[in-house]
Amino acid sequence: MAKAAAARTKGQARTSVWLQEKAPRGRGRKGDQPNGLDRDRITETTIRLLDAEGLAKFSMRRLAGELNVTAMSVYWYVDTKDDLLELALDSACGEMALPDTESAPEAWREQLRELAAEYRALLFRHPWVSPLVGQFLNIGPNWLAFALAVQRSVRNTGLPAHRHNGAISAVFQFVYGFGTIEGLVTARSREAGMTQDEYYQDAIKTVREGLGSHEILESADRLTAARGGDTVAEMWDRDFATALDLLVAGIESLLGEEGPR
């Protein structure tokens, strides 16, 4: 049993729709394919369904119904549901606007901030992206372009090479966590039929009723007042900006400490 599970895991580590050396789907006999159906349309519809209903409710049958075709028709273009999710993941990544990291290496601060903001916006806009990021190799053209921009921006900092991976982790694992939580809270608000602000006020009220006079409430009130922001969105933005400032300052503090290694 354990051996079979290990074999499956090993196989998944090598599997990617981008590594499949197969003829493009949909080039069969005339009349074999549903009219107007192609891989791009299937991927776009997948993203729309994932945005509207979430990852847990997504299925090939649900997708086929939305496209008004049979489930078998979809398999003309993808072999598995995972292939389709991987295509959707890379397509969503293509929404990010990447800064020029080659012509102005001295602008690394702005480059990191732009990349961080774009990644955060992606995770917020598509909450299903977060759980999928760790499931695939992420070697589609859009993810590769993003990863290259991230690596170049960190290289532009002037940090010694042995610190690059740590800098990438500090900035972009932070963004991943921040964007994931922000997306989850937003999705919960929507499921509850509330705006973010309504959901926040309702949650605060519930916590106060449950915790009574606990000292954490007084501490939280001080932090909230000092942070400022009239809306939940403004609070998120201020926290994100401050955290990013701290990370950039941390990188700056290491510059010149030691030569390349």
Protein backbone atom coordinates (compact mmCIF):
# COMPACT_ATOMS: atom_id res chain seq x y z
CA MET A 1 0.00 0.00 0.00
CA ALA A 2 2.73 2.47 1.03
CA LYS A 3 4.81 1.39 -1.97
CA ALA A 4 1.92 2.07 -4.36
CA ALA A 5 1.30 5.50 -2.82
CA ALA A 6 5.00 6.35 -3.14
CA ALA A 7 4.95 5.31 -6.79
CA ARG A 8 1.95 7.54 -7.49
CA THR A 9 3.63 10.48 -5.76
CA LYS A 10 6.84 9.92 -7.71
CA GLY A 11 4.87 9.86 -10.97
CA GLN A 12 3.05 13.08 -10.11
CA ALA A 13 6.35 14.85 -9.49
CA ARG A 14 7.27 14.28 -13.14
CA THR A 15 3.86 14.91 -14.63
CA SER A 16 2.91 18.15 -16.32
CA VAL A 17 0.65 19.05 -19.18
CA TRP A 18 3.57 21.14 -20.46
CA LEU A 19 5.79 18.07 -20.78
CA GLN A 20 3.35 15.90 -22.71
CA GLU A 21 4.78 15.08 -26.11
CA LYS A 22 1.47 14.43 -27.77
CA ALA A 23 -0.27 15.76 -30.87
CA PRO A 24 -2.40 18.83 -30.12
CA ARG A 25 -5.90 17.91 -29.11
CA GLY A 26 -8.86 18.51 -31.37
CA ARG A 27 -7.35 17.57 -34.74
CA GLY A 28 -9.59 14.63 -35.39
CA ARG A 29 -11.99 13.82 -38.20
CA LYS A 30 -14.42 16.46 -39.32
CA GLY A 31 -17.52 16.23 -37.19
CA ASP A 32 -15.73 14.57 -34.27
CA GLN A 33 -15.35 17.84 -32.33
CA PRO A 34 -18.08 20.03 -30.86
CA ASN A 35 -18.60 23.16 -32.94
CA GLY A 36 -16.71 26.18 -31.58
CA LEU A 37 -14.90 24.26 -28.85
CA ASP A 38 -11.16 24.62 -28.36
CA ARG A 39 -8.64 24.45 -25.54
CA ASP A 40 -8.62 28.23 -24.98
CA ARG A 41 -12.38 28.37 -24.60
CA ILE A 42 -12.34 25.39 -22.24
CA THR A 43 -9.62 27.02 -20.13
CA GLU A 44 -11.44 30.37 -19.99
CA THR A 45 -14.65 28.66 -18.90
CA THR A 46 -12.74 26.68 -16.28
CA ILE A 47 -11.36 29.89 -14.77
CA ARG A 48 -14.80 31.47 -14.75
CA LEU A 49 -16.30 28.45 -12.95
CA LEU A 50 -13.46 28.29 -10.43
CA ASP A 51 -13.91 31.99 -9.66
CA ALA A 52 -17.65 31.63 -9.23
CA GLU A 53 -17.94 28.29 -7.43
CA GLY A 54 -14.51 27.42 -6.05
CA LEU A 55 -12.18 24.48 -6.49
CA ALA A 56 -14.19 21.99 -4.40
CA LYS A 57 -17.26 22.22 -6.64
CA PHE A 58 -15.39 22.06 -9.93
CA SER A 59 -15.78 18.92 -12.04
CA MET A 60 -15.45 17.92 -15.68
CA ARG A 61 -19.18 17.22 -15.74
CA ARG A 62 -19.95 20.71 -14.41
CA LEU A 63 -17.61 22.21 -16.99
CA ALA A 64 -19.20 20.24 -19.82
CA GLY A 65 -22.63 21.45 -18.75
CA GLU A 66 -21.45 25.06 -18.80
CA LEU A 67 -20.04 24.53 -22.30
CA ASN A 68 -23.20 22.71 -23.36
CA VAL A 69 -21.27 19.63 -24.53
CA THR A 70 -20.74 16.11 -23.22
CA ALA A 71 -17.95 15.41 -20.73
CA MET A 72 -16.27 13.17 -23.31
CA SER A 73 -16.07 16.13 -25.68
CA VAL A 74 -13.84 17.97 -23.21
CA TYR A 75 -11.43 15.03 -23.19
CA TRP A 76 -10.68 15.75 -26.85
CA TYR A 77 -8.58 18.64 -25.56
CA VAL A 78 -7.22 17.50 -22.18
CA ASP A 79 -6.41 14.06 -20.82
CA THR A 80 -7.33 14.69 -17.20
CA LYS A 81 -8.91 17.19 -14.85
CA ASP A 82 -5.43 17.94 -13.47
CA ASP A 83 -4.22 18.89 -16.95
CA LEU A 84 -7.07 21.35 -17.21
CA LEU A 85 -6.41 22.84 -13.78
CA GLU A 86 -2.74 23.25 -14.70
CA LEU A 87 -3.72 25.07 -17.90
CA ALA A 88 -6.08 27.33 -15.94
CA LEU A 89 -3.36 28.05 -13.37
CA ASP A 90 -0.90 29.19 -16.02
CA SER A 91 -3.54 31.20 -17.87
CA ALA A 92 -4.42 33.08 -14.67
CA CYS A 93 -0.74 33.75 -14.04
CA GLY A 94 -0.62 35.46 -17.43
CA GLU A 95 -2.81 38.24 -16.01
CA MET A 96 0.15 39.59 -14.05
CA ALA A 97 1.95 42.59 -15.55
CA LEU A 98 5.69 41.99 -15.18
CA PRO A 99 8.17 44.85 -14.78
CA ASP A 100 11.26 45.24 -16.95
CA THR A 101 13.97 43.63 -14.82
CA GLU A 102 16.76 43.82 -17.40
CA SER A 103 17.26 47.41 -18.55
CA ALA A 104 17.23 49.12 -15.12
CA PRO A 105 18.81 46.84 -12.47
CA GLU A 106 19.10 49.77 -10.06
CA ALA A 107 15.27 49.88 -9.84
CA TRP A 108 15.13 46.57 -7.96
CA ARG A 109 13.01 48.02 -5.14
CA GLU A 110 10.28 49.07 -7.56
CA GLN A 111 10.56 45.74 -9.39
CA LEU A 112 10.09 43.72 -6.21
CA ARG A 113 7.17 45.89 -5.14
CA GLU A 114 5.47 45.55 -8.54
CA LEU A 115 5.93 41.79 -8.63
CA ALA A 116 4.69 41.43 -5.05
CA ALA A 117 1.63 43.58 -5.76
CA GLU A 118 0.78 41.63 -8.92
CA TYR A 119 1.12 38.27 -7.16
CA ARG A 120 -1.01 39.45 -4.26
CA ALA A 121 -3.70 40.68 -6.68
CA LEU A 122 -3.68 37.34 -8.50
CA LEU A 123 -4.18 35.37 -5.28
CA PHE A 124 -6.93 37.76 -4.18
CA ARG A 125 -8.70 37.71 -7.54
CA HIS A 126 -8.55 33.92 -7.89
CA PRO A 127 -8.61 32.22 -4.45
CA TRP A 128 -8.35 28.79 -6.13
CA VAL A 129 -4.84 29.62 -7.39
CA SER A 130 -3.35 29.36 -3.90
CA PRO A 131 -4.10 25.67 -3.21
CA LEU A 132 -3.06 24.69 -6.74
CA VAL A 133 0.34 26.40 -6.73
CA GLY A 134 1.93 23.63 -4.67
CA GLN A 135 0.33 20.80 -6.66
CA PHE A 136 2.01 21.34 -10.01
CA LEU A 137 5.51 21.96 -11.37
CA ASN A 138 4.42 25.43 -12.57
CA ILE A 139 6.46 25.32 -15.75
CA GLY A 140 3.90 26.83 -18.11
CA PRO A 141 5.09 29.87 -20.12
CA ASN A 142 3.45 32.43 -17.84
CA TRP A 143 4.75 30.95 -14.59
CA LEU A 144 8.24 30.66 -16.08
CA ALA A 145 8.14 34.34 -17.08
CA PHE A 146 7.04 35.32 -13.58
CA ALA A 147 9.70 33.16 -11.91
CA LEU A 148 12.40 34.61 -14.16
CA ALA A 149 11.30 38.17 -13.37
CA VAL A 150 11.42 37.37 -9.64
CA GLN A 151 14.91 35.86 -9.90
CA ARG A 152 16.22 38.79 -11.95
CA SER A 153 14.77 41.37 -9.58
CA VAL A 154 16.48 39.69 -6.61
CA ARG A 155 19.72 39.40 -8.56
CA ASN A 156 19.46 43.14 -9.24
CA THR A 157 19.54 43.85 -5.49
CA GLY A 158 23.27 43.12 -5.40
CA LEU A 159 22.90 40.50 -2.71
CA PRO A 160 25.49 37.71 -2.88
CA ALA A 161 24.21 34.70 -4.81
CA HIS A 162 23.91 32.46 -1.75
CA ARG A 163 21.28 34.84 -0.31
CA HIS A 164 19.04 34.98 -3.41
CA ASN A 165 16.78 32.04 -2.56
CA GLY A 166 16.31 33.34 0.97
CA ALA A 167 15.32 36.77 -0.33
CA ILE A 168 12.86 35.23 -2.78
CA SER A 169 11.35 33.15 0.03
CA ALA A 170 11.08 36.11 2.39
CA VAL A 171 9.22 38.30 -0.10
CA PHE A 172 7.13 35.88 -2.10
CA GLN A 173 6.22 33.37 0.59
CA PHE A 174 5.02 36.35 2.58
CA VAL A 175 2.96 37.50 -0.41
CA TYR A 176 1.61 33.98 -0.87
CA GLY A 177 0.46 33.81 2.74
CA PHE A 178 -0.96 37.32 2.76
CA GLY A 179 -2.80 36.91 -0.55
CA THR A 180 -4.12 33.49 0.42
CA ILE A 181 -5.64 34.74 3.67
CA GLU A 182 -7.02 37.85 2.00
CA GLY A 183 -8.62 35.72 -0.71
CA LEU A 184 -10.12 33.29 1.81
CA VAL A 185 -11.65 36.08 3.90
CA THR A 186 -13.10 37.66 0.78
CA ALA A 187 -14.55 34.33 -0.33
CA ARG A 188 -16.10 33.80 3.12
CA SER A 189 -17.65 37.26 2.99
CA ARG A 190 -19.16 36.51 -0.39
CA GLU A 191 -20.50 33.14 0.75
CA ALA A 192 -22.11 34.86 3.74
CA GLY A 193 -23.77 37.38 1.42
CA MET A 194 -21.84 40.27 3.01
CA THR A 195 -19.34 42.87 1.94
CA GLN A 196 -15.86 42.63 3.48
CA ASP A 197 -16.69 45.50 5.82
CA GLU A 198 -19.97 43.90 6.95
CA TYR A 199 -18.24 40.58 7.50
CA TYR A 200 -15.45 42.26 9.48
CA GLN A 201 -17.87 44.11 11.76
CA ASP A 202 -19.90 40.94 12.31
CA ALA A 203 -16.75 38.97 13.15
CA ILE A 204 -15.53 41.66 15.57
CA LYS A 205 -18.90 41.68 17.31
CA THR A 206 -18.86 37.88 17.65
CA VAL A 207 -15.32 37.87 19.05
CA ARG A 208 -16.12 40.60 21.58
CA GLU A 209 -19.18 38.73 22.79
CA GLY A 210 -17.18 35.51 23.08
CA LEU A 211 -14.01 36.84 24.72
CA GLY A 212 -15.62 39.37 27.02
CA SER A 213 -12.95 41.53 28.67
CA HIS A 214 -9.87 39.61 27.52
CA GLU A 215 -6.79 41.86 27.31
CA ILE A 216 -6.20 40.87 23.69
CA LEU A 217 -9.18 43.05 22.73
CA GLU A 218 -7.63 46.16 24.21
CA SER A 219 -4.33 45.40 22.48
CA ALA A 220 -6.11 44.78 19.18
CA ASP A 221 -8.00 48.07 19.48
CA ARG A 222 -4.72 49.96 19.93
CA LEU A 223 -3.19 48.29 16.89
CA THR A 224 -6.25 48.97 14.74
CA ALA A 225 -6.39 52.62 15.76
CA ALA A 226 -2.68 53.10 15.05
CA ARG A 227 -2.90 51.40 11.65
CA GLY A 228 -5.84 53.48 10.48
CA GLY A 229 -7.97 52.85 7.41
CA ASP A 230 -11.69 53.41 7.01
CA THR A 231 -12.39 50.14 5.19
CA VAL A 232 -11.13 46.57 5.33
CA ALA A 233 -9.52 47.05 1.91
CA GLU A 234 -7.57 50.04 3.22
CA MET A 235 -6.46 48.04 6.27
CA TRP A 236 -5.22 45.21 4.04
CA ASP A 237 -3.34 47.69 1.85
CA ARG A 238 -1.64 49.41 4.79
CA ASP A 239 -0.54 46.13 6.36
CA PHE A 240 0.79 44.85 3.03
CA ALA A 241 2.72 48.06 2.34
CA THR A 242 4.29 48.08 5.80
CA ALA A 243 5.32 44.43 5.61
CA LEU A 244 6.85 44.97 2.18
CA ASP A 245 8.74 48.02 3.46
CA LEU A 246 10.20 45.88 6.22
CA LEU A 247 11.27 43.16 3.79
CA VAL A 248 12.92 45.65 1.42
CA ALA A 249 14.68 47.26 4.39
CA GLY A 250 15.88 43.82 5.45
CA ILE A 251 17.42 43.24 2.02
CA GLU A 252 19.04 46.69 2.13
CA SER A 253 20.55 45.91 5.52
CA LEU A 254 22.42 42.94 4.08
CA LEU A 255 23.91 44.78 1.11
CA GLY A 256 27.64 45.24 1.38
CA GLU A 257 27.94 42.95 4.38
CA GLU A 258 29.93 40.40 2.43
CA GLY A 259 31.12 39.81 -1.08
CA PRO A 260 29.60 37.34 -3.58
CA ARG A 261 30.00 33.69 -2.72
